[in-house]
N, C-alpha and C. Protein backbone atom coordinates (compact mmCIF):
# COMPACT_ATOMS: atom_id res chain seq x y z
N MET A 1 103.64 74.23 74.05
CA MET A 1 103.84 74.94 75.72
C MET A 1 102.15 75.53 76.38
N ARG A 2 102.09 75.21 77.51
CA ARG A 2 100.92 75.96 78.20
C ARG A 2 101.28 76.93 79.14
N VAL A 3 100.50 78.12 78.96
CA VAL A 3 100.34 79.18 79.66
C VAL A 3 98.95 79.28 80.21
N ASP A 4 99.00 80.03 81.33
CA ASP A 4 97.77 80.52 82.20
C ASP A 4 97.09 81.77 81.17
N SER A 5 95.79 81.95 81.14
CA SER A 5 94.94 82.50 80.67
C SER A 5 95.19 84.12 80.61
N GLY A 6 95.76 84.25 81.63
CA GLY A 6 96.37 85.92 82.13
C GLY A 6 97.22 85.90 81.09
N ILE A 7 98.23 85.36 81.48
CA ILE A 7 99.58 85.44 80.27
C ILE A 7 99.80 85.70 78.88
N LYS A 8 98.62 84.57 78.37
CA LYS A 8 97.88 84.14 76.86
C LYS A 8 97.41 85.77 76.22
N SER A 9 96.58 86.26 77.37
CA SER A 9 95.77 87.61 76.78
C SER A 9 96.81 88.50 76.71
N ARG A 10 97.69 88.75 77.46
CA ARG A 10 98.92 89.73 77.62
C ARG A 10 99.90 89.52 76.04
N MET A 11 100.38 87.95 75.60
CA MET A 11 100.85 87.67 74.87
C MET A 11 100.50 88.07 73.16
N ALA A 12 98.37 87.98 73.46
CA ALA A 12 97.95 88.30 72.56
C ALA A 12 98.21 89.82 72.24
N SER A 13 97.90 90.29 73.13
CA SER A 13 98.31 91.78 72.55
C SER A 13 99.45 92.09 72.17
N LEU A 14 100.47 91.70 72.20
CA LEU A 14 101.61 92.01 71.40
C LEU A 14 101.76 91.14 70.36
N LYS A 15 101.37 91.36 69.25
CA LYS A 15 101.14 90.13 67.77
C LYS A 15 102.35 90.61 67.36
N ASP A 16 103.25 91.24 67.50
CA ASP A 16 104.03 91.37 66.73
C ASP A 16 105.74 90.44 66.99
N VAL A 17 105.08 90.18 68.46
CA VAL A 17 106.37 89.53 69.12
C VAL A 17 106.11 87.86 68.71
N ASN A 18 107.09 87.55 68.16
CA ASN A 18 107.34 85.26 67.92
C ASN A 18 107.73 85.01 69.23
N TRP A 19 106.58 85.05 69.92
CA TRP A 19 106.84 83.96 71.32
C TRP A 19 107.72 82.94 70.54
N ALA A 20 107.22 81.85 70.01
CA ALA A 20 108.12 80.74 69.77
C ALA A 20 109.69 81.20 69.46
N GLU A 21 109.91 81.91 68.95
CA GLU A 21 111.54 82.48 68.43
C GLU A 21 111.90 82.66 70.37
N VAL A 22 110.69 83.45 70.78
CA VAL A 22 111.36 83.94 72.45
C VAL A 22 111.32 82.45 73.45
N ILE A 23 110.54 81.68 73.06
CA ILE A 23 110.53 80.62 74.23
C ILE A 23 111.97 79.48 73.56
N ARG A 24 112.06 79.32 72.36
CA ARG A 24 113.06 78.92 71.89
C ARG A 24 114.59 79.28 72.52
N GLY A 25 114.58 80.91 72.21
CA GLY A 25 115.78 81.14 72.78
C GLY A 25 116.44 80.97 74.18
N ALA A 26 114.99 81.15 74.98
CA ALA A 26 115.03 80.77 76.59
C ALA A 26 115.85 79.33 76.88
N LEU A 27 114.80 78.59 75.93
CA LEU A 27 115.49 77.45 76.28
C LEU A 27 116.81 77.49 76.10
N GLN A 28 117.17 77.09 75.04
CA GLN A 28 118.66 77.47 74.70
C GLN A 28 119.95 77.86 75.23
N GLU A 29 119.35 79.02 76.17
CA GLU A 29 120.18 79.68 76.79
C GLU A 29 120.12 78.81 78.35
N ARG A 30 118.60 78.25 78.35
CA ARG A 30 118.71 77.78 79.90
C ARG A 30 119.71 76.29 79.77
N ILE A 31 119.51 75.48 78.83
CA ILE A 31 120.37 74.38 78.18
C ILE A 31 121.91 74.71 78.64
N GLU A 32 122.41 75.68 77.86
CA GLU A 32 123.82 76.18 78.04
C GLU A 32 124.12 76.47 79.56
N VAL A 33 123.22 77.25 80.33
CA VAL A 33 123.52 77.16 81.86
C VAL A 33 123.75 75.92 82.32
N GLU A 34 122.32 74.98 82.43
CA GLU A 34 122.59 73.80 82.91
C GLU A 34 123.76 72.83 82.52
N GLU A 35 124.31 72.65 81.45
CA GLU A 35 125.63 71.92 81.02
C GLU A 35 126.27 72.66 81.44
N GLU A 36 126.53 73.81 81.33
CA GLU A 36 127.78 74.26 82.16
C GLU A 36 127.84 73.93 83.65
N LEU A 37 126.62 74.02 84.52
CA LEU A 37 126.89 73.49 85.71
C LEU A 37 127.12 71.76 85.89
N ARG A 38 127.06 70.96 84.77
CA ARG A 38 126.98 69.95 85.08
C ARG A 38 128.04 69.29 84.60
N ARG A 39 129.48 70.38 83.98
CA ARG A 39 130.10 69.43 83.36
C ARG A 39 131.25 69.76 84.41
N PRO A 40 132.25 68.45 84.41
CA PRO A 40 133.16 67.99 85.24
C PRO A 40 134.31 69.20 85.66
N ILE A 41 134.54 69.65 87.17
CA ILE A 41 135.88 70.74 87.27
C ILE A 41 137.37 70.14 86.96
N ASP A 42 138.03 71.36 86.41
CA ASP A 42 139.08 70.95 85.90
C ASP A 42 139.76 71.39 87.26
N ARG A 43 140.62 70.24 87.78
CA ARG A 43 140.85 70.38 89.07
C ARG A 43 141.92 71.09 89.16
N ALA A 44 143.00 70.90 87.86
CA ALA A 44 144.27 71.60 87.92
C ALA A 44 143.87 73.29 87.83
N ARG A 45 143.30 73.69 86.47
CA ARG A 45 142.81 74.80 87.06
C ARG A 45 142.10 75.34 88.37
N ALA A 46 142.00 74.58 89.02
CA ALA A 46 140.79 75.02 90.43
C ALA A 46 142.11 75.36 91.24
N ARG A 47 142.97 74.33 91.45
CA ARG A 47 144.22 75.08 92.37
C ARG A 47 144.85 75.86 91.89
N ARG A 48 145.29 76.36 90.26
CA ARG A 48 146.00 77.33 89.97
C ARG A 48 144.80 78.64 90.59
N ALA A 49 143.63 78.53 90.63
CA ALA A 49 143.07 79.66 90.97
C ALA A 49 142.94 80.10 92.13
N ALA A 50 142.71 78.74 93.52
CA ALA A 50 143.11 78.84 94.72
C ALA A 50 144.31 79.28 95.37
N ARG A 51 145.60 78.83 94.71
CA ARG A 51 146.97 79.92 94.83
C ARG A 51 146.62 81.06 94.40
N GLY A 52 146.17 81.52 93.60
CA GLY A 52 146.16 82.72 93.14
C GLY A 52 145.50 83.48 93.97
N ILE A 53 144.11 82.70 94.48
CA ILE A 53 143.60 84.04 95.52
C ILE A 53 144.19 84.04 96.77
N ASP A 54 144.69 82.89 97.31
CA ASP A 54 145.56 82.45 98.37
C ASP A 54 146.94 83.39 98.35
N ALA A 55 147.63 83.96 97.20
CA ALA A 55 148.86 85.05 97.42
C ALA A 55 148.06 86.19 97.22
N ILE A 56 146.70 86.95 96.66
CA ILE A 56 146.20 87.83 96.97
C ILE A 56 145.85 88.24 98.41
N ARG A 57 145.33 86.97 98.98
CA ARG A 57 144.93 87.16 100.23
C ARG A 57 146.70 87.47 101.04
N ASN A 58 147.18 86.67 101.07
CA ASN A 58 148.55 87.04 101.53
C ASN A 58 149.35 88.75 101.51
N ASP A 59 148.78 89.12 100.25
CA ASP A 59 149.54 90.70 100.60
C ASP A 59 148.69 91.34 100.89
N LEU A 60 147.80 90.99 101.45
CA LEU A 60 146.98 92.19 101.64
C LEU A 60 147.18 92.35 103.71
N PRO A 61 146.79 93.56 103.89
CA PRO A 61 147.21 93.58 105.24
C PRO A 61 146.39 93.18 106.40
N PRO A 62 146.80 92.50 107.54
CA PRO A 62 145.18 92.03 108.46
C PRO A 62 144.67 92.95 108.92
N LEU A 63 142.89 92.41 108.93
CA LEU A 63 142.18 93.10 108.92
C LEU A 63 141.96 92.98 110.85
N ARG A 64 141.16 94.05 111.19
CA ARG A 64 141.13 94.74 112.40
C ARG A 64 139.62 94.65 112.68
N PHE A 65 138.83 93.46 112.32
CA PHE A 65 137.45 93.36 112.14
C PHE A 65 137.19 92.08 112.80
N ASP A 66 136.10 92.37 113.80
CA ASP A 66 135.17 91.83 114.66
C ASP A 66 134.00 91.46 114.53
N SER A 67 133.63 90.28 114.05
CA SER A 67 132.50 90.53 113.42
C SER A 67 131.38 90.55 114.80
N THR A 68 131.87 89.58 115.60
CA THR A 68 131.44 89.37 116.41
C THR A 68 130.58 90.71 117.26
N THR A 69 131.55 91.78 117.64
CA THR A 69 131.54 93.04 117.90
C THR A 69 129.95 94.07 116.98
N GLU A 70 130.90 93.90 115.57
CA GLU A 70 129.58 94.36 115.07
C GLU A 70 128.58 93.81 115.20
N VAL A 71 128.26 92.51 114.99
CA VAL A 71 126.96 91.83 115.33
C VAL A 71 126.22 92.30 116.24
N ARG A 72 126.85 92.48 117.28
CA ARG A 72 126.29 92.87 118.48
C ARG A 72 125.83 94.33 118.30
N ARG A 73 126.74 95.14 117.86
CA ARG A 73 126.50 96.55 117.78
C ARG A 73 125.52 96.70 116.92
N TRP A 74 124.99 96.15 115.97
CA TRP A 74 123.40 96.41 114.59
C TRP A 74 122.34 95.74 115.78
N ARG A 75 122.27 94.65 116.69
CA ARG A 75 121.64 93.97 117.12
C ARG A 75 121.07 95.17 118.49
N GLU A 76 121.90 95.73 118.91
CA GLU A 76 121.55 96.44 120.07
C GLU A 76 121.18 97.91 119.59
N SER A 77 121.51 98.67 118.53
CA SER A 77 120.75 99.58 117.76
C SER A 77 119.34 99.60 116.92
N ARG A 78 118.71 98.11 117.07
CA ARG A 78 117.83 97.91 116.90
C ARG A 78 116.64 98.27 117.76
N LYS A 79 116.88 98.34 118.94
CA LYS A 79 116.43 97.98 120.13
C LYS A 79 115.68 99.39 120.45
């Protein structure tokens, strides 16, 4: 693996660190993240989650929040 000279000199100053092991660990973690991102979606599980979110949302009182008014208020406060 290639690194620029600045990083190489900083790595050299930390002689007790096993850089090959650090790199292997970082690569392994990234591989796991990428594999998880590419895993097919379990549609039945996603539907159950959506129903659960909808149930929570239905239990909440209606919001009395007007985003347009809030944006205008913040924009006016900057002038």
